[in-house]
Structures are given as C-alpha cells and as structure tokens.
Amino acid sequence: MARVLLPLPDTDFDVTEVAVPWHVLTEAGHEVVFATERAGTVAAADRRLLDGVIFGQLGAEPEPKRLYREMTRSRGFRESTAWAEVVPADYDGLLLPGGHAPGMRQYLASSSLRAKVAEFWKLDRPVGAICHGVLVLARTIDPGTGRSVLHGRRTTCLPKYMERTAYFLTAWKLGRYYRTYPAYVEDEVRAALATPGDFVRGPRTLSARGTATDDTSAFVVEDGRYVSARWPGDAYLFARRFRALLDRR
C-alpha cells in the first residue's frame, strides 16, 4: 500500500480533480493523506461546481459529486495535516489538484507548500498535477539549479483556449471567476519550461470528458515518474496513470 500526499486550500478546489483520484487510489488500497495550511482544517470544494456554475450548468458531473460527498465523510479528509508539518520522505506519491476560484490562491501562492514540494521532487517518487495544480510545480524552484522543477520536463496543464473560453462565456455574470490570475495558466507554465516543445496542449475539446469507463476524450502527459493532465475531463485517466506509477515504484 502506498501513502499519497494531497495538499488542498481551505476552499475552492475542483470537485472532480480531488474526488476522482481519491476514489481511484483508495479503491486500490492506497492511503490518501490530505494536507491544509493549518492542521485539522476541513477543506471545501468550489461550491459553484457542486450547485452549477451558471443557471445550474457547467458544474461537476453527477458521479464525481457523489464521490466528493463520500470523500468528505471519510476520517482522513476530516483530519488533515498541516503543510508545514509534512515530512516528504514519509510519502510514496504527491498529487497536486487544481481549481480556479479565488480560494485557490492560498494553495497556489504558498511558499511553505512549495518548499515541501521541492523536497518531495528530489526524492524521485511519483508526482501528479492536473489543471491549475501544475502551477504549483511551475513555481517550485529547484535550489540546485535556480530553475523551476519543471525545467527539462514535458507537461500539460489547463490550456489557454479553455481558460479563455470559460471566462468569456461567464464574465458577464461571474466577473473574473474563471481567471485566477491575470496571466493564463498555460503562459506561466510555458515560461517555466526548458523549450517550447516541452509543453503538450493535447487535442482541442470544450465539453467531451473522460469517464470511469471511457478514456476516449481524456488526455495526459507522462514524463518518467511525473504525470500531468489538463482539466476535470481528464481526471479518471490521470488518476489511473498516477496509480500505475505508484504500482511500478
């Protein structure tokens, strides 16, 4: 059984990008340890993704919402450890989920969390990042090189066309809800890479999602012991590929 660290902000993480990997890993017998800025915080997903972003639409699918409710009732979710207290060597894998609402900035901008991520990265153990979670890695500096830990790695993340489209469709009602930062996620991630070719956008899609039984519309990028994905529509495939990395460790 592997022990996987999954850091979260207090609020606004993506329902699917957390609940689906939690389900896939725990179903396989692995332990998922949640970490928040302060120990014992019971984190909460982006409420709009549970209720419907706009006019009841654009939220999480029914199955991930069911898994989220199951996850929030689990003892492990309700007894989080603190980022600062994490001992990276105690974990076999690290998962970095995404989310775009304002509460995500607590997690995406944390120097304390990035310090732990840098320590874990050096261990050469499985790391998975999806959507905005890739920003944590892009911002994590390798003390030995002074560059992002993603420098020299191939990766994907939330594509600019997806982020832009979601913003333009909803800005009239929700303002900058879909724009976490002035810079697009893709632009910041690209700037951290060694060459332009190290960014892999994947096939264009705006609505087709992978499911528990069909990966046709899903996409991930693997580079050694690192796997990345674009958005919630990739979550099932992403979780299974990360689980495979754990199984090969």
C-alpha atoms as a PDB file:
ATOM      1  CA  MET A   1       0.000   0.000   0.000  1.00  0.00           C
ATOM      2  CA  ALA A   2       1.287   3.457  -0.934  1.00  0.00           C
ATOM      3  CA  ARG A   3       0.841   6.636   1.061  1.00  0.00           C
ATOM      4  CA  VAL A   4      -0.039   9.660  -1.082  1.00  0.00           C
ATOM      5  CA  LEU A   5       0.048  13.314  -0.048  1.00  0.00           C
ATOM      6  CA  LEU A   6      -2.734  15.516  -1.440  1.00  0.00           C
ATOM      7  CA  PRO A   7      -2.495  19.213  -0.427  1.00  0.00           C
ATOM      8  CA  LEU A   8      -5.594  21.423  -0.545  1.00  0.00           C
ATOM      9  CA  PRO A   9      -6.594  25.049   0.023  1.00  0.00           C
ATOM     10  CA  ASP A  10      -9.254  25.725   2.640  1.00  0.00           C
ATOM     11  CA  THR A  11     -11.831  26.388  -0.097  1.00  0.00           C
ATOM     12  CA  ASP A  12     -12.465  26.333  -3.835  1.00  0.00           C
ATOM     13  CA  PHE A  13     -10.591  23.244  -5.036  1.00  0.00           C
ATOM     14  CA  ASP A  14     -12.051  21.389  -8.009  1.00  0.00           C
ATOM     15  CA  VAL A  15     -14.540  18.677  -7.049  1.00  0.00           C
ATOM     16  CA  THR A  16     -13.579  16.198  -9.759  1.00  0.00           C
ATOM     17  CA  GLU A  17      -9.816  16.698  -9.631  1.00  0.00           C
ATOM     18  CA  VAL A  18      -9.754  15.723  -5.962  1.00  0.00           C
ATOM     19  CA  ALA A  19     -12.601  13.249  -5.513  1.00  0.00           C
ATOM     20  CA  VAL A  20     -11.830  11.071  -8.532  1.00  0.00           C
ATOM     21  CA  PRO A  21      -8.126  10.478  -7.702  1.00  0.00           C
ATOM     22  CA  TRP A  22      -9.081   9.907  -4.052  1.00  0.00           C
ATOM     23  CA  HIS A  23     -11.576   7.245  -5.135  1.00  0.00           C
ATOM     24  CA  VAL A  24      -9.252   5.538  -7.642  1.00  0.00           C
ATOM     25  CA  LEU A  25      -6.399   5.371  -5.122  1.00  0.00           C
ATOM     26  CA  THR A  26      -8.346   4.348  -2.042  1.00  0.00           C
ATOM     27  CA  GLU A  27     -10.276   1.740  -4.002  1.00  0.00           C
ATOM     28  CA  ALA A  28      -6.896   0.215  -4.887  1.00  0.00           C
ATOM     29  CA  GLY A  29      -5.947   0.100  -1.206  1.00  0.00           C
ATOM     30  CA  HIS A  30      -3.694   3.158  -1.099  1.00  0.00           C
ATOM     31  CA  GLU A  31      -3.866   5.788   1.649  1.00  0.00           C
ATOM     32  CA  VAL A  32      -4.515   9.436   0.733  1.00  0.00           C
ATOM     33  CA  VAL A  33      -3.342  11.968   3.308  1.00  0.00           C
ATOM     34  CA  PHE A  34      -4.873  15.425   2.955  1.00  0.00           C
ATOM     35  CA  ALA A  35      -2.840  18.478   3.939  1.00  0.00           C
ATOM     36  CA  THR A  36      -4.104  22.025   4.501  1.00  0.00           C
ATOM     37  CA  GLU A  37      -2.340  25.176   5.665  1.00  0.00           C
ATOM     38  CA  ARG A  38      -3.475  24.559   9.263  1.00  0.00           C
ATOM     39  CA  ALA A  39      -3.842  21.067  10.688  1.00  0.00           C
ATOM     40  CA  GLY A  40      -7.406  19.867  11.163  1.00  0.00           C
ATOM     41  CA  THR A  41      -8.961  22.206   8.604  1.00  0.00           C
ATOM     42  CA  VAL A  42     -11.883  20.557   6.841  1.00  0.00           C
ATOM     43  CA  ALA A  43     -11.459  21.855   3.313  1.00  0.00           C
ATOM     44  CA  ALA A  44     -14.391  22.570   0.998  1.00  0.00           C
ATOM     45  CA  ALA A  45     -14.637  22.374  -2.775  1.00  0.00           C
ATOM     46  CA  ASP A  46     -15.757  25.204  -5.027  1.00  0.00           C
ATOM     47  CA  ARG A  47     -19.466  25.398  -4.212  1.00  0.00           C
ATOM     48  CA  ARG A  48     -20.413  26.504  -7.715  1.00  0.00           C
ATOM     49  CA  LEU A  49     -19.077  23.236  -9.128  1.00  0.00           C
ATOM     50  CA  LEU A  50     -21.490  21.357  -6.868  1.00  0.00           C
ATOM     51  CA  ASP A  51     -24.528  23.552  -7.484  1.00  0.00           C
ATOM     52  CA  GLY A  52     -23.895  24.577 -11.089  1.00  0.00           C
ATOM     53  CA  VAL A  53     -21.663  27.442 -12.176  1.00  0.00           C
ATOM     54  CA  ILE A  54     -24.286  29.386 -14.061  1.00  0.00           C
ATOM     55  CA  PHE A  55     -28.001  28.586 -14.409  1.00  0.00           C
ATOM     56  CA  GLY A  56     -27.211  25.176 -12.912  1.00  0.00           C
ATOM     57  CA  GLN A  57     -24.810  24.305 -15.750  1.00  0.00           C
ATOM     58  CA  LEU A  58     -21.007  23.894 -16.152  1.00  0.00           C
ATOM     59  CA  GLY A  59     -20.543  22.161 -12.794  1.00  0.00           C
ATOM     60  CA  ALA A  60     -19.119  18.768 -11.895  1.00  0.00           C
ATOM     61  CA  GLU A  61     -20.733  15.629 -13.277  1.00  0.00           C
ATOM     62  CA  PRO A  62     -23.040  13.536 -11.007  1.00  0.00           C
ATOM     63  CA  GLU A  63     -20.530  10.731 -10.366  1.00  0.00           C
ATOM     64  CA  PRO A  64     -17.665  12.967  -9.150  1.00  0.00           C
ATOM     65  CA  LYS A  65     -20.162  14.838  -6.964  1.00  0.00           C
ATOM     66  CA  ARG A  66     -21.197  11.549  -5.404  1.00  0.00           C
ATOM     67  CA  LEU A  67     -17.561  10.619  -4.825  1.00  0.00           C
ATOM     68  CA  TYR A  68     -16.953  14.037  -3.275  1.00  0.00           C
ATOM     69  CA  ARG A  69     -19.754  13.506  -0.756  1.00  0.00           C
ATOM     70  CA  GLU A  70     -18.282  10.103   0.093  1.00  0.00           C
ATOM     71  CA  MET A  71     -14.796  11.577   0.446  1.00  0.00           C
ATOM     72  CA  THR A  72     -15.910  14.376   2.773  1.00  0.00           C
ATOM     73  CA  ARG A  73     -17.393  11.812   5.148  1.00  0.00           C
ATOM     74  CA  SER A  74     -14.107   9.931   5.406  1.00  0.00           C
ATOM     75  CA  ARG A  75     -11.982  10.282   8.532  1.00  0.00           C
ATOM     76  CA  GLY A  76      -8.831  11.013   6.534  1.00  0.00           C
ATOM     77  CA  PHE A  77     -10.392  14.009   4.811  1.00  0.00           C
ATOM     78  CA  ARG A  78     -11.585  15.481   8.092  1.00  0.00           C
ATOM     79  CA  GLU A  79      -8.230  15.076   9.865  1.00  0.00           C
ATOM     80  CA  SER A  80      -5.849  16.972   7.615  1.00  0.00           C
ATOM     81  CA  THR A  81      -2.203  17.559   8.460  1.00  0.00           C
ATOM     82  CA  ALA A  82      -0.521  20.975   8.142  1.00  0.00           C
ATOM     83  CA  TRP A  83       1.642  21.808   5.134  1.00  0.00           C
ATOM     84  CA  ALA A  84       4.489  22.883   7.405  1.00  0.00           C
ATOM     85  CA  GLU A  85       4.395  19.580   9.303  1.00  0.00           C
ATOM     86  CA  VAL A  86       4.673  17.381   6.219  1.00  0.00           C
ATOM     87  CA  VAL A  87       7.745  15.134   6.071  1.00  0.00           C
ATOM     88  CA  PRO A  88       8.060  14.421   2.328  1.00  0.00           C
ATOM     89  CA  ALA A  89      10.037  11.201   2.810  1.00  0.00           C
ATOM     90  CA  ASP A  90       7.022   9.710   4.607  1.00  0.00           C
ATOM     91  CA  TYR A  91       5.055   9.640   1.333  1.00  0.00           C
ATOM     92  CA  ASP A  92       5.248   7.474  -1.764  1.00  0.00           C
ATOM     93  CA  GLY A  93       3.479   9.919  -4.057  1.00  0.00           C
ATOM     94  CA  LEU A  94       2.337  13.537  -4.368  1.00  0.00           C
ATOM     95  CA  LEU A  95      -0.875  14.713  -6.052  1.00  0.00           C
ATOM     96  CA  LEU A  96      -1.474  18.386  -6.880  1.00  0.00           C
ATOM     97  CA  PRO A  97      -5.100  19.079  -7.879  1.00  0.00           C
ATOM     98  CA  GLY A  98      -6.465  22.241  -9.421  1.00  0.00           C
ATOM     99  CA  GLY A  99      -9.343  24.669  -9.192  1.00  0.00           C
ATOM    100  CA  HIS A 100      -9.782  28.206 -10.456  1.00  0.00           C
ATOM    101  CA  ALA A 101     -11.932  30.133  -7.926  1.00  0.00           C
ATOM    102  CA  PRO A 102     -10.291  32.781  -5.664  1.00  0.00           C
ATOM    103  CA  GLY A 103      -9.748  30.473  -2.670  1.00  0.00           C
ATOM    104  CA  MET A 104      -7.194  28.522  -4.710  1.00  0.00           C
ATOM    105  CA  ARG A 105      -4.665  31.345  -4.379  1.00  0.00           C
ATOM    106  CA  GLN A 106      -3.945  30.259  -0.784  1.00  0.00           C
ATOM    107  CA  TYR A 107      -2.570  26.993  -2.174  1.00  0.00           C
ATOM    108  CA  LEU A 108      -1.139  28.195  -5.476  1.00  0.00           C
ATOM    109  CA  ALA A 109       0.834  31.043  -3.907  1.00  0.00           C
ATOM    110  CA  SER A 110       2.131  29.290  -0.769  1.00  0.00           C
ATOM    111  CA  SER A 111       5.920  29.380  -0.375  1.00  0.00           C
ATOM    112  CA  SER A 112       5.566  26.962   2.559  1.00  0.00           C
ATOM    113  CA  LEU A 113       3.856  24.392   0.375  1.00  0.00           C
ATOM    114  CA  ARG A 114       6.329  24.887  -2.466  1.00  0.00           C
ATOM    115  CA  ALA A 115       9.211  24.184  -0.084  1.00  0.00           C
ATOM    116  CA  LYS A 116       7.684  20.793   0.717  1.00  0.00           C
ATOM    117  CA  VAL A 117       7.020  20.113  -2.956  1.00  0.00           C
ATOM    118  CA  ALA A 118      10.672  20.863  -3.773  1.00  0.00           C
ATOM    119  CA  GLU A 119      11.777  18.393  -1.102  1.00  0.00           C
ATOM    120  CA  PHE A 120       9.453  15.723  -2.437  1.00  0.00           C
ATOM    121  CA  TRP A 121      10.526  16.293  -6.051  1.00  0.00           C
ATOM    122  CA  LYS A 122      14.127  15.454  -5.099  1.00  0.00           C
ATOM    123  CA  LEU A 123      13.016  12.025  -3.867  1.00  0.00           C
ATOM    124  CA  ASP A 124      12.265  10.931  -7.442  1.00  0.00           C
ATOM    125  CA  ARG A 125       8.892   9.459  -6.489  1.00  0.00           C
ATOM    126  CA  PRO A 126       5.576   9.706  -8.414  1.00  0.00           C
ATOM    127  CA  VAL A 127       4.143  13.211  -8.800  1.00  0.00           C
ATOM    128  CA  GLY A 128       0.832  14.047 -10.452  1.00  0.00           C
ATOM    129  CA  ALA A 129      -0.527  17.516 -11.253  1.00  0.00           C
ATOM    130  CA  ILE A 130      -3.744  18.471 -13.012  1.00  0.00           C
ATOM    131  CA  CYS A 131      -5.068  21.797 -14.336  1.00  0.00           C
ATOM    132  CA  HIS A 132      -4.014  24.683 -12.032  1.00  0.00           C
ATOM    133  CA  GLY A 133      -2.098  22.200  -9.882  1.00  0.00           C
ATOM    134  CA  VAL A 134       0.685  22.328 -12.498  1.00  0.00           C
ATOM    135  CA  LEU A 135       1.228  25.961 -11.444  1.00  0.00           C
ATOM    136  CA  VAL A 136       2.499  24.749  -8.063  1.00  0.00           C
ATOM    137  CA  LEU A 137       5.265  22.837  -9.837  1.00  0.00           C
ATOM    138  CA  ALA A 138       5.982  25.675 -12.284  1.00  0.00           C
ATOM    139  CA  ARG A 139       6.508  27.986  -9.279  1.00  0.00           C
ATOM    140  CA  THR A 140       8.580  25.493  -7.279  1.00  0.00           C
ATOM    141  CA  ILE A 141      12.285  26.253  -7.623  1.00  0.00           C
ATOM    142  CA  ASP A 142      15.000  23.618  -7.502  1.00  0.00           C
ATOM    143  CA  PRO A 143      17.598  25.105  -5.116  1.00  0.00           C
ATOM    144  CA  GLY A 144      20.374  23.369  -7.030  1.00  0.00           C
ATOM    145  CA  THR A 145      19.589  24.969 -10.393  1.00  0.00           C
ATOM    146  CA  GLY A 146      17.572  28.074  -9.510  1.00  0.00           C
ATOM    147  CA  ARG A 147      15.000  26.960 -12.071  1.00  0.00           C
ATOM    148  CA  SER A 148      11.518  25.507 -11.851  1.00  0.00           C
ATOM    149  CA  VAL A 149      11.402  21.787 -11.141  1.00  0.00           C
ATOM    150  CA  LEU A 150       9.536  21.519 -14.457  1.00  0.00           C
ATOM    151  CA  HIS A 151      12.543  22.832 -16.396  1.00  0.00           C
ATOM    152  CA  GLY A 152      13.520  19.938 -18.665  1.00  0.00           C
ATOM    153  CA  ARG A 153      10.205  18.105 -18.221  1.00  0.00           C
ATOM    154  CA  ARG A 154       7.305  17.594 -20.617  1.00  0.00           C
ATOM    155  CA  THR A 155       3.933  18.660 -19.249  1.00  0.00           C
ATOM    156  CA  THR A 156       0.426  19.790 -19.972  1.00  0.00           C
ATOM    157  CA  CYS A 157      -1.895  21.987 -17.879  1.00  0.00           C
ATOM    158  CA  LEU A 158      -5.122  23.926 -18.340  1.00  0.00           C
ATOM    159  CA  PRO A 159      -4.875  25.126 -21.975  1.00  0.00           C
ATOM    160  CA  LYS A 160      -5.255  28.816 -22.647  1.00  0.00           C
ATOM    161  CA  TYR A 161      -8.167  28.291 -25.046  1.00  0.00           C
ATOM    162  CA  MET A 162     -10.159  26.514 -22.306  1.00  0.00           C
ATOM    163  CA  GLU A 163      -9.463  29.179 -19.689  1.00  0.00           C
ATOM    164  CA  ARG A 164     -10.244  31.999 -22.120  1.00  0.00           C
ATOM    165  CA  THR A 165     -13.485  30.400 -23.364  1.00  0.00           C
ATOM    166  CA  ALA A 166     -14.804  29.756 -19.846  1.00  0.00           C
ATOM    167  CA  TYR A 167     -14.030  33.350 -18.876  1.00  0.00           C
ATOM    168  CA  PHE A 168     -15.694  34.909 -21.925  1.00  0.00           C
ATOM    169  CA  LEU A 169     -18.813  32.768 -21.517  1.00  0.00           C
ATOM    170  CA  THR A 170     -19.354  33.705 -17.875  1.00  0.00           C
ATOM    171  CA  ALA A 171     -17.699  37.092 -17.256  1.00  0.00           C
ATOM    172  CA  TRP A 172     -20.978  38.967 -17.761  1.00  0.00           C
ATOM    173  CA  LYS A 173     -22.375  37.177 -14.702  1.00  0.00           C
ATOM    174  CA  LEU A 174     -19.383  35.987 -12.650  1.00  0.00           C
ATOM    175  CA  GLY A 175     -16.659  38.514 -13.434  1.00  0.00           C
ATOM    176  CA  ARG A 176     -13.159  37.010 -13.154  1.00  0.00           C
ATOM    177  CA  TYR A 177     -14.331  33.748 -11.570  1.00  0.00           C
ATOM    178  CA  TYR A 178     -12.534  31.741 -14.272  1.00  0.00           C
ATOM    179  CA  ARG A 179      -9.393  33.902 -14.256  1.00  0.00           C
ATOM    180  CA  THR A 180      -7.445  33.043 -11.108  1.00  0.00           C
ATOM    181  CA  TYR A 181      -4.565  35.325 -12.109  1.00  0.00           C
ATOM    182  CA  PRO A 182      -4.031  37.987 -14.806  1.00  0.00           C
ATOM    183  CA  ALA A 183      -1.683  35.582 -16.624  1.00  0.00           C
ATOM    184  CA  TYR A 184      -3.103  32.463 -18.188  1.00  0.00           C
ATOM    185  CA  VAL A 185      -2.059  29.185 -16.576  1.00  0.00           C
ATOM    186  CA  GLU A 186      -0.581  27.922 -19.830  1.00  0.00           C
ATOM    187  CA  ASP A 187       1.571  31.037 -20.261  1.00  0.00           C
ATOM    188  CA  GLU A 188       3.071  30.765 -16.787  1.00  0.00           C
ATOM    189  CA  VAL A 189       3.728  27.042 -17.154  1.00  0.00           C
ATOM    190  CA  ARG A 190       5.346  27.510 -20.573  1.00  0.00           C
ATOM    191  CA  ALA A 191       7.669  30.158 -19.129  1.00  0.00           C
ATOM    192  CA  ALA A 192       8.990  27.620 -16.612  1.00  0.00           C
ATOM    193  CA  LEU A 193       9.950  25.013 -19.236  1.00  0.00           C
ATOM    194  CA  ALA A 194      13.264  24.444 -20.986  1.00  0.00           C
ATOM    195  CA  THR A 195      11.875  24.524 -24.536  1.00  0.00           C
ATOM    196  CA  PRO A 196       8.520  25.388 -26.156  1.00  0.00           C
ATOM    197  CA  GLY A 197       8.190  21.773 -27.287  1.00  0.00           C
ATOM    198  CA  ASP A 198       8.055  20.593 -23.679  1.00  0.00           C
ATOM    199  CA  PHE A 199       4.501  21.914 -23.415  1.00  0.00           C
ATOM    200  CA  VAL A 200       1.913  19.493 -24.827  1.00  0.00           C
ATOM    201  CA  ARG A 201      -1.540  21.053 -25.261  1.00  0.00           C
ATOM    202  CA  GLY A 202      -3.390  17.908 -26.313  1.00  0.00           C
ATOM    203  CA  PRO A 203      -6.418  17.670 -28.614  1.00  0.00           C
ATOM    204  CA  ARG A 204      -8.906  20.515 -28.541  1.00  0.00           C
ATOM    205  CA  THR A 205     -12.061  19.930 -26.550  1.00  0.00           C
ATOM    206  CA  LEU A 206     -14.509  22.054 -24.582  1.00  0.00           C
ATOM    207  CA  SER A 207     -17.100  19.584 -23.365  1.00  0.00           C
ATOM    208  CA  ALA A 208     -16.177  15.930 -24.054  1.00  0.00           C
ATOM    209  CA  ARG A 209     -14.902  14.315 -20.848  1.00  0.00           C
ATOM    210  CA  GLY A 210     -13.328  11.020 -19.965  1.00  0.00           C
ATOM    211  CA  THR A 211     -15.293   8.819 -17.593  1.00  0.00           C
ATOM    212  CA  ALA A 212     -14.724   5.886 -15.283  1.00  0.00           C
ATOM    213  CA  THR A 213     -15.119   3.522 -18.242  1.00  0.00           C
ATOM    214  CA  ASP A 214     -14.160   5.574 -21.319  1.00  0.00           C
ATOM    215  CA  ASP A 215     -10.845   7.409 -21.815  1.00  0.00           C
ATOM    216  CA  THR A 216     -11.575   8.391 -25.430  1.00  0.00           C
ATOM    217  CA  SER A 217     -11.832  12.109 -24.639  1.00  0.00           C
ATOM    218  CA  ALA A 218      -9.166  12.188 -21.904  1.00  0.00           C
ATOM    219  CA  PHE A 219      -5.524  13.213 -22.247  1.00  0.00           C
ATOM    220  CA  VAL A 220      -2.460  13.101 -20.006  1.00  0.00           C
ATOM    221  CA  VAL A 221       1.281  13.589 -20.423  1.00  0.00           C
ATOM    222  CA  GLU A 222       3.765  11.248 -18.764  1.00  0.00           C
ATOM    223  CA  ASP A 223       7.444  12.063 -18.310  1.00  0.00           C
ATOM    224  CA  GLY A 224       9.196   9.483 -16.173  1.00  0.00           C
ATOM    225  CA  ARG A 225       7.629   9.490 -12.735  1.00  0.00           C
ATOM    226  CA  TYR A 226       5.629  12.687 -13.474  1.00  0.00           C
ATOM    227  CA  VAL A 227       2.109  12.714 -14.956  1.00  0.00           C
ATOM    228  CA  SER A 228       0.052  15.807 -15.773  1.00  0.00           C
ATOM    229  CA  ALA A 229      -3.435  16.493 -17.093  1.00  0.00           C
ATOM    230  CA  ARG A 230      -5.442  19.444 -18.402  1.00  0.00           C
ATOM    231  CA  TRP A 231      -8.810  19.684 -16.670  1.00  0.00           C
ATOM    232  CA  PRO A 232     -11.534  17.698 -14.838  1.00  0.00           C
ATOM    233  CA  GLY A 233     -12.366  15.847 -18.042  1.00  0.00           C
ATOM    234  CA  ASP A 234      -9.023  14.045 -17.727  1.00  0.00           C
ATOM    235  CA  ALA A 235      -9.375  13.129 -14.051  1.00  0.00           C
ATOM    236  CA  TYR A 236     -10.155   9.418 -14.355  1.00  0.00           C
ATOM    237  CA  LEU A 237      -7.323   8.688 -16.787  1.00  0.00           C
ATOM    238  CA  PHE A 238      -4.992  10.924 -14.779  1.00  0.00           C
ATOM    239  CA  ALA A 239      -5.793   9.048 -11.571  1.00  0.00           C
ATOM    240  CA  ARG A 240      -5.291   5.641 -13.176  1.00  0.00           C
ATOM    241  CA  ARG A 241      -1.951   6.651 -14.712  1.00  0.00           C
ATOM    242  CA  PHE A 242      -0.779   8.020 -11.357  1.00  0.00           C
ATOM    243  CA  ARG A 243      -1.866   4.795  -9.673  1.00  0.00           C
ATOM    244  CA  ALA A 244       0.172   2.874 -12.250  1.00  0.00           C
ATOM    245  CA  LEU A 245       3.247   4.934 -11.352  1.00  0.00           C
ATOM    246  CA  LEU A 246       2.741   4.007  -7.709  1.00  0.00           C
ATOM    247  CA  ASP A 247       2.409   0.344  -8.612  1.00  0.00           C
ATOM    248  CA  ARG A 248       5.736   0.459 -10.518  1.00  0.00           C
ATOM    249  CA  ARG A 249       7.708   2.289  -7.828  1.00  0.00           C
END
